[in-house]
Amino acid sequence: MAIAHYLTGHVDQADVPTRKASNIRARPLNCQTPLKPKDNAVKLHLNLGDQRFLIQNYGETHITLNNQRHTTSLILTPEQRLDWLVNDVSQLTDELLTPLLSDDPELIVLGTGHKPCIPSPAVMRFFARHGLGLEFVNTPTACRIYNILASEGRRVGCGLIIPTGAAS
């Protein structure tokens, strides 16, 4: 019965146990007192690090990058943004893929358009020859992956295909 009273905060001082080793009496638990935040609480903030480009929005016909709307395919490297004359993953050649290697990326993310599709074996061999990992996903997923990796400070190259003639 003393424990029930102790937990509810209704304690008769005679019911409060005392420490035998010292003359300090245990304090009753006061459930009415709200907890105060500690000064050393963890605060979370968005940290963009050294990320040069931030994809803010994407849709079927556009990507918004650093407050600028783009309606054609793009290449993002750690240091630059390039227009990319690609409308479909089937058009990819070594010549069109070479700009993705600018600025020594550690991996490549390829947005293949509205639907994920597997690039040709020639595309896979191109990146294998250069010792780079390749992640191919649909363009909206590639935008999210790029933002996450770039915000972590990773040197990521990203090719984002925006098919022309896409429905709005």
N, C-alpha and C. Protein backbone atom coordinates (compact mmCIF):
# COMPACT_ATOMS: atom_id res chain seq x y z
N MET A 1 0.82 -1.18 0.00
CA MET A 1 0.00 0.00 0.00
C MET A 1 0.87 1.25 0.00
N ALA A 2 1.99 1.22 0.65
CA ALA A 2 2.88 2.37 0.67
C ALA A 2 3.42 2.64 -0.73
N ILE A 3 3.66 1.59 -1.53
CA ILE A 3 4.17 1.78 -2.89
C ILE A 3 3.12 2.47 -3.74
N ALA A 4 1.87 2.07 -3.64
CA ALA A 4 0.81 2.70 -4.42
C ALA A 4 0.73 4.19 -4.08
N HIS A 5 0.83 4.51 -2.83
CA HIS A 5 0.80 5.92 -2.44
C HIS A 5 2.05 6.64 -2.96
N TYR A 6 3.16 5.96 -2.92
CA TYR A 6 4.43 6.55 -3.36
C TYR A 6 4.36 6.88 -4.84
N LEU A 7 3.78 5.99 -5.67
CA LEU A 7 3.70 6.20 -7.11
C LEU A 7 2.70 7.29 -7.48
N THR A 8 1.67 7.46 -6.71
CA THR A 8 0.68 8.49 -7.03
C THR A 8 1.07 9.84 -6.47
N GLY A 9 2.06 9.91 -5.67
CA GLY A 9 2.50 11.19 -5.12
C GLY A 9 1.85 11.52 -3.79
N HIS A 10 0.93 10.69 -3.33
CA HIS A 10 0.29 10.90 -2.03
C HIS A 10 1.02 10.07 -0.99
N VAL A 11 1.98 10.68 -0.36
CA VAL A 11 2.85 9.93 0.53
C VAL A 11 2.82 10.56 1.92
N ASP A 12 2.62 9.73 2.85
CA ASP A 12 2.77 10.15 4.24
C ASP A 12 4.25 9.99 4.55
N GLN A 13 4.86 10.97 5.13
CA GLN A 13 6.30 10.92 5.40
C GLN A 13 6.70 9.67 6.17
N ALA A 14 5.80 9.09 6.92
CA ALA A 14 6.12 7.86 7.65
C ALA A 14 6.30 6.69 6.70
N ASP A 15 5.66 6.76 5.48
CA ASP A 15 5.75 5.67 4.51
C ASP A 15 7.00 5.75 3.65
N VAL A 16 7.72 6.91 3.64
CA VAL A 16 8.88 7.09 2.78
C VAL A 16 10.06 6.33 3.38
N PRO A 17 10.66 5.41 2.59
CA PRO A 17 11.80 4.67 3.12
C PRO A 17 13.00 5.59 3.29
N THR A 18 13.81 5.27 4.24
CA THR A 18 15.03 6.04 4.46
C THR A 18 16.22 5.15 4.18
N ARG A 19 17.33 5.77 3.83
CA ARG A 19 18.55 5.01 3.60
C ARG A 19 19.17 4.68 4.95
N LYS A 20 19.60 3.49 5.09
CA LYS A 20 20.21 3.06 6.34
C LYS A 20 21.64 3.55 6.45
N ALA A 21 22.33 3.72 5.29
CA ALA A 21 23.74 4.05 5.32
C ALA A 21 23.98 5.53 5.62
N SER A 22 22.96 6.36 5.49
CA SER A 22 23.17 7.78 5.75
C SER A 22 21.90 8.37 6.34
N ASN A 23 21.98 9.61 6.67
CA ASN A 23 20.81 10.24 7.26
C ASN A 23 19.98 11.00 6.22
N ILE A 24 20.23 10.73 4.90
CA ILE A 24 19.47 11.38 3.83
C ILE A 24 18.20 10.58 3.60
N ARG A 25 17.09 11.29 3.62
CA ARG A 25 15.82 10.63 3.39
C ARG A 25 15.51 10.63 1.89
N ALA A 26 14.92 9.55 1.40
CA ALA A 26 14.53 9.48 -0.01
C ALA A 26 13.40 10.47 -0.26
N ARG A 27 13.43 11.09 -1.44
CA ARG A 27 12.37 12.05 -1.80
C ARG A 27 11.20 11.30 -2.42
N PRO A 28 10.00 11.72 -2.12
CA PRO A 28 8.85 11.09 -2.76
C PRO A 28 8.81 11.46 -4.25
N LEU A 29 8.30 10.56 -5.07
CA LEU A 29 8.15 10.81 -6.50
C LEU A 29 6.99 11.76 -6.70
N ASN A 30 7.22 12.84 -7.40
CA ASN A 30 6.16 13.81 -7.65
C ASN A 30 5.79 13.72 -9.12
N CYS A 31 4.70 13.06 -9.43
CA CYS A 31 4.27 12.89 -10.81
C CYS A 31 3.64 14.15 -11.38
N GLN A 32 3.42 15.15 -10.58
CA GLN A 32 2.79 16.38 -11.03
C GLN A 32 3.79 17.33 -11.68
N THR A 33 5.06 17.17 -11.40
CA THR A 33 6.07 18.09 -11.91
C THR A 33 6.45 17.71 -13.33
N PRO A 34 6.28 18.65 -14.30
CA PRO A 34 6.66 18.32 -15.67
C PRO A 34 8.18 18.24 -15.82
N LEU A 35 8.62 17.41 -16.74
CA LEU A 35 10.05 17.29 -17.00
C LEU A 35 10.53 18.53 -17.74
N LYS A 36 11.67 19.03 -17.35
CA LYS A 36 12.27 20.17 -18.03
C LYS A 36 13.32 19.66 -19.00
N PRO A 37 13.39 20.28 -20.20
CA PRO A 37 14.43 19.81 -21.13
C PRO A 37 15.81 20.11 -20.59
N LYS A 38 16.72 19.20 -20.83
CA LYS A 38 18.10 19.38 -20.40
C LYS A 38 18.80 20.34 -21.35
N ASP A 39 19.80 21.04 -20.85
CA ASP A 39 20.57 21.96 -21.68
C ASP A 39 21.38 21.22 -22.74
N ASN A 40 21.68 19.95 -22.49
CA ASN A 40 22.49 19.20 -23.43
C ASN A 40 21.64 18.35 -24.37
N ALA A 41 20.38 18.74 -24.62
CA ALA A 41 19.51 17.99 -25.52
C ALA A 41 20.04 18.07 -26.95
N VAL A 42 19.81 17.02 -27.72
CA VAL A 42 20.25 16.97 -29.11
C VAL A 42 19.28 17.79 -29.95
N LYS A 43 19.82 18.69 -30.75
CA LYS A 43 19.01 19.49 -31.66
C LYS A 43 19.33 19.04 -33.07
N LEU A 44 18.30 18.85 -33.87
CA LEU A 44 18.49 18.40 -35.24
C LEU A 44 18.31 19.58 -36.19
N HIS A 45 19.21 19.69 -37.14
CA HIS A 45 19.16 20.75 -38.15
C HIS A 45 19.46 20.13 -39.50
N LEU A 46 18.86 20.71 -40.55
CA LEU A 46 19.19 20.29 -41.90
C LEU A 46 20.60 20.74 -42.21
N ASN A 47 21.45 19.80 -42.58
CA ASN A 47 22.84 20.11 -42.88
C ASN A 47 23.11 19.76 -44.33
N LEU A 48 23.30 20.78 -45.15
CA LEU A 48 23.57 20.55 -46.56
C LEU A 48 25.05 20.34 -46.82
N GLY A 49 25.88 20.55 -45.82
CA GLY A 49 27.31 20.33 -45.98
C GLY A 49 27.87 21.14 -47.12
N ASP A 50 28.69 20.51 -47.93
CA ASP A 50 29.29 21.18 -49.08
C ASP A 50 28.49 20.93 -50.35
N GLN A 51 27.25 20.49 -50.21
CA GLN A 51 26.43 20.18 -51.37
C GLN A 51 26.22 21.42 -52.23
N ARG A 52 26.64 21.32 -53.47
CA ARG A 52 26.54 22.46 -54.38
C ARG A 52 25.16 22.56 -55.01
N PHE A 53 24.54 21.43 -55.28
CA PHE A 53 23.23 21.41 -55.92
C PHE A 53 22.22 20.73 -55.02
N LEU A 54 21.03 21.28 -54.97
CA LEU A 54 19.94 20.69 -54.20
C LEU A 54 18.73 20.56 -55.11
N ILE A 55 18.27 19.34 -55.29
CA ILE A 55 17.06 19.12 -56.08
C ILE A 55 15.89 19.38 -55.14
N GLN A 56 15.12 20.40 -55.45
CA GLN A 56 14.03 20.81 -54.58
C GLN A 56 12.69 20.23 -54.99
N ASN A 57 12.54 19.90 -56.26
CA ASN A 57 11.25 19.46 -56.75
C ASN A 57 11.48 18.69 -58.04
N TYR A 58 10.61 17.76 -58.32
CA TYR A 58 10.68 17.04 -59.58
C TYR A 58 9.29 16.59 -59.95
N GLY A 59 9.05 16.48 -61.24
CA GLY A 59 7.78 16.00 -61.75
C GLY A 59 8.03 15.26 -63.05
N GLU A 60 6.98 14.91 -63.75
CA GLU A 60 7.14 14.16 -64.99
C GLU A 60 7.88 14.95 -66.05
N THR A 61 7.77 16.27 -66.01
CA THR A 61 8.33 17.10 -67.08
C THR A 61 9.38 18.09 -66.62
N HIS A 62 9.78 18.04 -65.36
CA HIS A 62 10.74 19.05 -64.88
C HIS A 62 11.49 18.58 -63.63
N ILE A 63 12.58 19.28 -63.36
CA ILE A 63 13.33 19.15 -62.11
C ILE A 63 13.66 20.57 -61.67
N THR A 64 13.41 20.89 -60.40
CA THR A 64 13.79 22.20 -59.87
C THR A 64 15.08 22.01 -59.08
N LEU A 65 16.10 22.70 -59.53
CA LEU A 65 17.45 22.57 -58.97
C LEU A 65 17.94 23.96 -58.60
N ASN A 66 18.23 24.17 -57.31
CA ASN A 66 18.71 25.48 -56.84
C ASN A 66 17.80 26.61 -57.32
N ASN A 67 16.50 26.43 -57.14
CA ASN A 67 15.48 27.43 -57.48
C ASN A 67 15.35 27.69 -58.98
N GLN A 68 15.88 26.82 -59.83
CA GLN A 68 15.72 26.95 -61.27
C GLN A 68 15.04 25.71 -61.81
N ARG A 69 14.01 25.93 -62.61
CA ARG A 69 13.24 24.81 -63.19
C ARG A 69 13.89 24.39 -64.51
N HIS A 70 14.16 23.08 -64.63
CA HIS A 70 14.77 22.52 -65.83
C HIS A 70 13.79 21.52 -66.45
N THR A 71 13.61 21.60 -67.77
CA THR A 71 12.67 20.71 -68.45
C THR A 71 13.37 19.75 -69.40
N THR A 72 14.69 19.74 -69.37
CA THR A 72 15.46 18.80 -70.18
C THR A 72 16.37 17.98 -69.27
N SER A 73 16.86 16.90 -69.79
CA SER A 73 17.73 16.00 -69.01
C SER A 73 18.98 16.73 -68.54
N LEU A 74 19.49 16.31 -67.38
CA LEU A 74 20.63 16.97 -66.73
C LEU A 74 21.68 15.97 -66.30
N ILE A 75 22.91 16.48 -66.21
CA ILE A 75 23.99 15.76 -65.54
C ILE A 75 24.42 16.64 -64.37
N LEU A 76 24.53 16.04 -63.20
CA LEU A 76 25.07 16.72 -62.02
C LEU A 76 26.35 16.01 -61.61
N THR A 77 27.41 16.77 -61.47
CA THR A 77 28.66 16.23 -60.95
C THR A 77 28.92 16.96 -59.63
N PRO A 78 29.93 16.57 -58.90
CA PRO A 78 30.19 17.29 -57.64
C PRO A 78 30.39 18.79 -57.82
N GLU A 79 30.80 19.23 -59.00
CA GLU A 79 31.12 20.64 -59.20
C GLU A 79 30.30 21.36 -60.25
N GLN A 80 29.54 20.66 -61.08
CA GLN A 80 28.87 21.35 -62.19
C GLN A 80 27.55 20.70 -62.58
N ARG A 81 26.73 21.50 -63.26
CA ARG A 81 25.47 21.04 -63.85
C ARG A 81 25.60 21.19 -65.36
N LEU A 82 25.25 20.14 -66.07
CA LEU A 82 25.36 20.16 -67.53
C LEU A 82 24.02 19.75 -68.14
N ASP A 83 23.66 20.38 -69.26
CA ASP A 83 22.51 19.91 -70.02
C ASP A 83 22.91 18.60 -70.69
N TRP A 84 21.96 17.70 -70.81
CA TRP A 84 22.25 16.36 -71.34
C TRP A 84 21.27 16.06 -72.45
N LEU A 85 21.75 15.82 -73.64
CA LEU A 85 20.90 15.60 -74.81
C LEU A 85 20.46 14.14 -74.90
N VAL A 86 19.74 13.70 -73.87
CA VAL A 86 19.25 12.32 -73.80
C VAL A 86 17.76 12.37 -73.45
N ASN A 87 16.97 11.63 -74.20
CA ASN A 87 15.53 11.54 -73.91
C ASN A 87 15.10 10.15 -73.46
N ASP A 88 15.98 9.18 -73.65
CA ASP A 88 15.64 7.80 -73.33
C ASP A 88 16.92 7.04 -73.02
N VAL A 89 16.85 6.08 -72.13
CA VAL A 89 18.02 5.32 -71.73
C VAL A 89 18.63 4.54 -72.90
N SER A 90 17.82 4.23 -73.90
CA SER A 90 18.33 3.48 -75.05
C SER A 90 19.28 4.32 -75.91
N GLN A 91 19.31 5.63 -75.73
CA GLN A 91 20.20 6.51 -76.50
C GLN A 91 21.61 6.60 -75.92
N LEU A 92 21.84 6.05 -74.74
CA LEU A 92 23.11 6.24 -74.05
C LEU A 92 24.27 5.57 -74.79
N THR A 93 25.32 6.36 -75.00
CA THR A 93 26.56 5.88 -75.62
C THR A 93 27.72 6.32 -74.73
N ASP A 94 28.90 5.80 -75.02
CA ASP A 94 30.09 6.21 -74.25
C ASP A 94 30.27 7.73 -74.30
N GLU A 95 30.04 8.32 -75.46
CA GLU A 95 30.20 9.77 -75.62
C GLU A 95 29.23 10.55 -74.72
N LEU A 96 27.99 10.08 -74.61
CA LEU A 96 27.00 10.76 -73.76
C LEU A 96 27.23 10.49 -72.28
N LEU A 97 27.90 9.39 -71.96
CA LEU A 97 28.15 9.04 -70.56
C LEU A 97 29.42 9.70 -70.00
N THR A 98 30.36 10.04 -70.85
CA THR A 98 31.64 10.58 -70.42
C THR A 98 31.52 11.81 -69.50
N PRO A 99 30.59 12.76 -69.75
CA PRO A 99 30.50 13.91 -68.83
C PRO A 99 30.16 13.53 -67.39
N LEU A 100 29.56 12.36 -67.17
CA LEU A 100 29.28 11.91 -65.81
C LEU A 100 30.55 11.65 -65.01
N LEU A 101 31.67 11.47 -65.71
CA LEU A 101 32.94 11.18 -65.05
C LEU A 101 33.67 12.45 -64.60
N SER A 102 33.14 13.61 -64.97
CA SER A 102 33.77 14.88 -64.57
C SER A 102 33.84 14.97 -63.06
N ASP A 103 34.87 15.58 -62.57
CA ASP A 103 35.05 15.86 -61.14
C ASP A 103 35.21 14.62 -60.28
N ASP A 104 35.66 13.52 -60.87
CA ASP A 104 36.00 12.29 -60.14
C ASP A 104 34.93 11.82 -59.16
N PRO A 105 33.75 11.44 -59.64
CA PRO A 105 32.74 10.92 -58.70
C PRO A 105 33.15 9.56 -58.16
N GLU A 106 32.63 9.22 -56.98
CA GLU A 106 32.89 7.89 -56.43
C GLU A 106 31.81 6.90 -56.82
N LEU A 107 30.67 7.38 -57.27
CA LEU A 107 29.60 6.52 -57.76
C LEU A 107 28.69 7.32 -58.66
N ILE A 108 27.87 6.61 -59.45
CA ILE A 108 26.97 7.24 -60.42
C ILE A 108 25.54 6.78 -60.12
N VAL A 109 24.62 7.75 -60.13
CA VAL A 109 23.19 7.46 -60.04
C VAL A 109 22.59 7.85 -61.37
N LEU A 110 21.88 6.93 -61.99
CA LEU A 110 21.27 7.19 -63.29
C LEU A 110 19.76 7.11 -63.17
N GLY A 111 19.09 8.25 -63.41
CA GLY A 111 17.63 8.30 -63.44
C GLY A 111 17.17 7.99 -64.84
N THR A 112 16.45 6.89 -65.02
CA THR A 112 16.15 6.36 -66.35
C THR A 112 14.83 6.86 -66.93
N GLY A 113 14.22 7.86 -66.33
CA GLY A 113 12.93 8.36 -66.81
C GLY A 113 11.83 7.99 -65.82
N HIS A 114 10.61 7.88 -66.34
CA HIS A 114 9.46 7.62 -65.46
C HIS A 114 9.49 6.23 -64.84
N LYS A 115 10.03 5.28 -65.56
CA LYS A 115 10.05 3.90 -65.08
C LYS A 115 11.50 3.43 -64.97
N PRO A 116 11.80 2.62 -63.96
CA PRO A 116 13.16 2.07 -63.91
C PRO A 116 13.35 1.07 -65.04
N CYS A 117 14.46 1.17 -65.71
CA CYS A 117 14.77 0.18 -66.73
C CYS A 117 16.27 -0.09 -66.70
N ILE A 118 16.64 -1.26 -67.11
CA ILE A 118 18.03 -1.68 -67.06
C ILE A 118 18.76 -1.13 -68.29
N PRO A 119 19.83 -0.40 -68.07
CA PRO A 119 20.62 0.08 -69.21
C PRO A 119 21.25 -1.10 -69.95
N SER A 120 21.69 -0.82 -71.17
CA SER A 120 22.31 -1.87 -72.00
C SER A 120 23.61 -2.36 -71.36
N PRO A 121 24.05 -3.55 -71.74
CA PRO A 121 25.34 -4.05 -71.24
C PRO A 121 26.50 -3.11 -71.56
N ALA A 122 26.41 -2.37 -72.66
CA ALA A 122 27.47 -1.43 -73.01
C ALA A 122 27.59 -0.32 -71.96
N VAL A 123 26.47 0.13 -71.44
CA VAL A 123 26.48 1.15 -70.38
C VAL A 123 27.11 0.58 -69.12
N MET A 124 26.75 -0.64 -68.78
CA MET A 124 27.32 -1.27 -67.58
C MET A 124 28.83 -1.45 -67.73
N ARG A 125 29.27 -1.87 -68.91
CA ARG A 125 30.70 -2.04 -69.16
C ARG A 125 31.45 -0.71 -69.08
N PHE A 126 30.83 0.36 -69.57
CA PHE A 126 31.45 1.69 -69.53
C PHE A 126 31.83 2.04 -68.09
N PHE A 127 30.89 1.89 -67.16
CA PHE A 127 31.17 2.25 -65.76
C PHE A 127 32.09 1.23 -65.09
N ALA A 128 31.99 -0.02 -65.47
CA ALA A 128 32.90 -1.04 -64.93
C ALA A 128 34.34 -0.75 -65.34
N ARG A 129 34.55 -0.33 -66.59
CA ARG A 129 35.90 0.02 -67.06
C ARG A 129 36.51 1.16 -66.24
N HIS A 130 35.66 2.05 -65.76
CA HIS A 130 36.14 3.20 -64.99
C HIS A 130 36.10 2.93 -63.47
N GLY A 131 35.74 1.71 -63.08
CA GLY A 131 35.76 1.34 -61.67
C GLY A 131 34.72 2.06 -60.83
N LEU A 132 33.58 2.39 -61.43
CA LEU A 132 32.53 3.12 -60.72
C LEU A 132 31.30 2.26 -60.51
N GLY A 133 30.70 2.39 -59.34
CA GLY A 133 29.43 1.75 -59.08
C GLY A 133 28.33 2.51 -59.80
N LEU A 134 27.31 1.80 -60.26
CA LEU A 134 26.19 2.40 -60.98
C LEU A 134 24.90 1.99 -60.32
N GLU A 135 24.09 2.96 -59.98
CA GLU A 135 22.74 2.72 -59.44
C GLU A 135 21.77 3.28 -60.47
N PHE A 136 20.92 2.43 -61.03
CA PHE A 136 19.94 2.93 -62.00
C PHE A 136 18.54 2.70 -61.46
N VAL A 137 17.79 3.79 -61.43
CA VAL A 137 16.43 3.82 -60.87
C VAL A 137 15.63 4.82 -61.70
N ASN A 138 14.33 4.94 -61.42
CA ASN A 138 13.57 5.96 -62.13
C ASN A 138 14.04 7.35 -61.69
N THR A 139 13.73 8.36 -62.47
CA THR A 139 14.28 9.69 -62.22
C THR A 139 13.85 10.27 -60.86
N PRO A 140 12.57 10.16 -60.44
CA PRO A 140 12.23 10.69 -59.11
C PRO A 140 13.05 10.05 -57.98
N THR A 141 13.27 8.75 -58.05
CA THR A 141 14.07 8.07 -57.03
C THR A 141 15.53 8.51 -57.11
N ALA A 142 16.03 8.70 -58.32
CA ALA A 142 17.40 9.18 -58.49
C ALA A 142 17.59 10.57 -57.87
N CYS A 143 16.58 11.42 -57.98
CA CYS A 143 16.64 12.75 -57.36
C CYS A 143 16.79 12.63 -55.84
N ARG A 144 16.01 11.75 -55.23
CA ARG A 144 16.09 11.57 -53.77
C ARG A 144 17.43 10.98 -53.37
N ILE A 145 17.89 9.97 -54.10
CA ILE A 145 19.18 9.35 -53.78
C ILE A 145 20.31 10.37 -53.91
N TYR A 146 20.28 11.16 -54.99
CA TYR A 146 21.31 12.18 -55.19
C TYR A 146 21.35 13.14 -54.00
N ASN A 147 20.19 13.67 -53.59
CA ASN A 147 20.17 14.62 -52.47
C ASN A 147 20.74 14.01 -51.20
N ILE A 148 20.39 12.78 -50.93
CA ILE A 148 20.89 12.12 -49.71
C ILE A 148 22.40 11.95 -49.76
N LEU A 149 22.89 11.40 -50.86
CA LEU A 149 24.33 11.14 -50.96
C LEU A 149 25.13 12.44 -50.99
N ALA A 150 24.66 13.43 -51.73
CA ALA A 150 25.38 14.71 -51.81
C ALA A 150 25.37 15.42 -50.45
N SER A 151 24.26 15.31 -49.71
CA SER A 151 24.21 15.96 -48.39
C SER A 151 25.14 15.29 -47.39
N GLU A 152 25.48 14.02 -47.64
CA GLU A 152 26.45 13.31 -46.80
C GLU A 152 27.89 13.62 -47.20
N GLY A 153 28.06 14.46 -48.22
CA GLY A 153 29.39 14.82 -48.67
C GLY A 153 30.00 13.83 -49.66
N ARG A 154 29.19 12.91 -50.16
CA ARG A 154 29.68 11.93 -51.14
C ARG A 154 29.87 12.61 -52.49
N ARG A 155 30.86 12.20 -53.21
CA ARG A 155 31.12 12.72 -54.57
C ARG A 155 30.33 11.86 -55.54
N VAL A 156 29.14 12.32 -55.86
CA VAL A 156 28.22 11.54 -56.67
C VAL A 156 28.00 12.23 -58.02
N GLY A 157 28.02 11.43 -59.07
CA GLY A 157 27.63 11.89 -60.40
C GLY A 157 26.21 11.39 -60.64
N CYS A 158 25.40 12.24 -61.28
CA CYS A 158 24.00 11.88 -61.45
C CYS A 158 23.53 12.28 -62.84
N GLY A 159 22.99 11.32 -63.58
CA GLY A 159 22.36 11.59 -64.86
C GLY A 159 20.86 11.46 -64.70
N LEU A 160 20.12 12.52 -65.00
CA LEU A 160 18.67 12.53 -64.80
C LEU A 160 17.99 12.69 -66.16
N ILE A 161 17.33 11.65 -66.61
CA ILE A 161 16.63 11.69 -67.90
C ILE A 161 15.21 12.19 -67.67
N ILE A 162 14.88 13.26 -68.39
CA ILE A 162 13.51 13.78 -68.42
C ILE A 162 13.02 13.57 -69.85
N PRO A 163 12.16 12.59 -70.04
CA PRO A 163 11.70 12.31 -71.40
C PRO A 163 10.94 13.50 -71.98
N THR A 164 11.24 13.86 -73.23
CA THR A 164 10.49 14.92 -73.88
C THR A 164 9.16 14.38 -74.35
N GLY A 165 8.18 15.25 -74.41
CA GLY A 165 6.85 14.83 -74.81
C GLY A 165 6.11 14.10 -73.72
N ALA A 166 6.61 14.20 -72.47
CA ALA A 166 5.93 13.54 -71.35
C ALA A 166 4.64 14.27 -71.04
N ALA A 167 3.66 13.53 -70.60
CA ALA A 167 2.38 14.14 -70.24
C ALA A 167 2.53 14.97 -68.99
N SER A 168 1.84 16.10 -68.91
CA SER A 168 1.92 16.97 -67.73
C SER A 168 1.06 16.47 -66.63
